[in-house]
Each structure stands twice: as C-alpha cells, then as structure tokens.
Amino acid sequence: MILPGVIDKQALLDALDAMQPLSRAHAENVGAWSSAIADYLQQHPSTLLVEAQQSLKMPLVELWIGALLSGQVKLEQRGNFYQADSIWLVPQ
C-alpha cells in the first residue's frame, strides 16, 4: 500500500525537468557535432545521411540535430518519406 505524502514542489519540478529531452540537449555539444558535419561535407559534398553517420561514427540523432541546427547544412529527401536511406546532407 502506498501512502500519500508531501513532496517538495521544487524537487518535483526539477525531476520533471530532468526527464525532458530539451533539458538534456543543453548538456550535449551540438557545436562540435555541427563542426564535424561541416568538415565532413567539405570532403564529401552532397552525401547520404546514413553514409555520413557511418563515416563519422555518430549516433543518428546527433547527426540529425547537428545538421538541423548548424545553419550550414540542408537535409534533402530524395526518395519516399519513410526511406531513411534517401536523405541527403547538402551544404548550403
């Protein structure tokens, strides 16, 4: 049986905030991801997202976020919507 208890409001808010993905993103190094992607695209312009992910050995989510937030990379869908292997990274 669970008894109701008093929970500190700030502790609860902090715990909920820690569970939010955006709060975790602040601890990540998006600038480093974007820089690695830009360096890669200088040598391999217009490349498949999955090829860049394999070459850079980055988790796909880091590559995706780094590309979107860099302001230097455009993501192009060159196939059907659900085909992950048809997304290209293109320098802007």
Protein backbone atom coordinates (compact mmCIF):
# COMPACT_ATOMS: atom_id res chain seq x y z
CA MET A 1 0.00 0.00 0.00
CA ILE A 2 1.36 3.43 -0.97
CA LEU A 3 0.62 6.21 1.46
CA PRO A 4 0.21 9.76 0.24
CA GLY A 5 2.99 12.04 1.30
CA VAL A 6 4.30 15.52 0.91
CA ILE A 7 6.63 16.15 -1.97
CA ASP A 8 8.74 19.27 -2.19
CA LYS A 9 7.40 21.28 -5.15
CA GLN A 10 10.84 22.36 -6.41
CA ALA A 11 12.21 18.81 -6.18
CA LEU A 12 9.27 17.57 -8.24
CA LEU A 13 9.74 20.31 -10.85
CA ASP A 14 13.46 19.57 -11.05
CA ALA A 15 12.78 15.86 -11.52
CA LEU A 16 10.24 16.55 -14.27
CA ASP A 17 12.60 18.99 -15.98
CA ALA A 18 15.40 16.41 -15.96
CA MET A 19 13.16 13.99 -17.83
CA GLN A 20 12.59 16.44 -20.71
CA PRO A 21 14.70 15.85 -23.85
CA LEU A 22 15.41 19.55 -24.30
CA SER A 23 16.92 19.81 -20.85
CA ARG A 24 19.31 17.01 -21.79
CA ALA A 25 20.22 18.74 -25.06
CA HIS A 26 21.81 21.62 -23.15
CA ALA A 27 24.45 19.23 -21.86
CA GLU A 28 25.26 18.00 -25.37
CA ASN A 29 27.87 19.58 -27.63
CA VAL A 30 25.80 20.49 -30.67
CA GLY A 31 28.53 22.87 -31.85
CA ALA A 32 31.02 20.01 -32.05
CA TRP A 33 28.51 17.87 -33.96
CA SER A 34 27.83 20.68 -36.44
CA SER A 35 31.54 21.33 -36.88
CA ALA A 36 32.26 17.65 -37.56
CA ILE A 37 29.47 17.55 -40.14
CA ALA A 38 30.73 20.72 -41.86
CA ASP A 39 34.27 19.31 -42.01
CA TYR A 40 32.96 16.05 -43.45
CA LEU A 41 30.90 17.86 -46.10
CA GLN A 42 33.96 19.80 -47.25
CA GLN A 43 35.47 16.48 -48.34
CA HIS A 44 32.20 14.73 -49.26
CA PRO A 45 29.71 17.31 -50.55
CA SER A 46 26.17 16.06 -51.03
CA THR A 47 26.28 12.75 -49.22
CA LEU A 48 23.74 10.31 -47.87
CA LEU A 49 22.84 10.83 -44.22
CA VAL A 50 23.47 7.17 -43.39
CA GLU A 51 26.88 7.24 -45.11
CA ALA A 52 27.89 10.32 -43.14
CA GLN A 53 26.63 8.67 -39.95
CA GLN A 54 28.75 5.58 -40.57
CA SER A 55 31.85 7.57 -41.52
CA LEU A 56 31.58 9.99 -38.61
CA LYS A 57 30.62 7.21 -36.19
CA MET A 58 27.98 9.49 -34.67
CA PRO A 59 24.61 8.38 -33.38
CA LEU A 60 21.97 9.28 -35.96
CA VAL A 61 20.18 11.63 -33.57
CA GLU A 62 23.39 13.65 -33.04
CA LEU A 63 23.98 13.86 -36.78
CA TRP A 64 20.38 14.90 -37.43
CA ILE A 65 20.33 17.56 -34.70
CA GLY A 66 23.80 18.84 -35.62
CA ALA A 67 22.79 19.19 -39.25
CA LEU A 68 19.49 20.91 -38.48
CA LEU A 69 20.97 23.37 -36.01
CA SER A 70 24.18 24.15 -37.90
CA GLY A 71 22.60 26.57 -40.36
CA GLN A 72 25.15 25.29 -42.89
CA VAL A 73 23.56 22.02 -43.93
CA LYS A 74 20.37 21.29 -45.80
CA LEU A 75 18.60 17.94 -45.47
CA GLU A 76 17.03 16.75 -48.72
CA GLN A 77 14.54 13.91 -49.08
CA ARG A 78 15.27 12.29 -52.45
CA GLY A 79 13.01 9.29 -52.12
CA ASN A 80 9.87 8.22 -50.34
CA PHE A 81 9.06 9.67 -46.94
CA TYR A 82 9.88 6.55 -44.92
CA GLN A 83 13.14 5.75 -46.71
CA ALA A 84 15.90 6.77 -44.30
CA ASP A 85 18.49 5.83 -46.92
CA SER A 86 17.22 8.56 -49.25
CA ILE A 87 18.01 11.55 -47.01
CA TRP A 88 20.97 13.59 -48.19
CA LEU A 89 23.17 16.14 -46.44
CA VAL A 90 23.92 19.07 -48.71
CA PRO A 91 25.99 22.15 -47.82
CA GLN A 92 24.03 25.40 -48.04
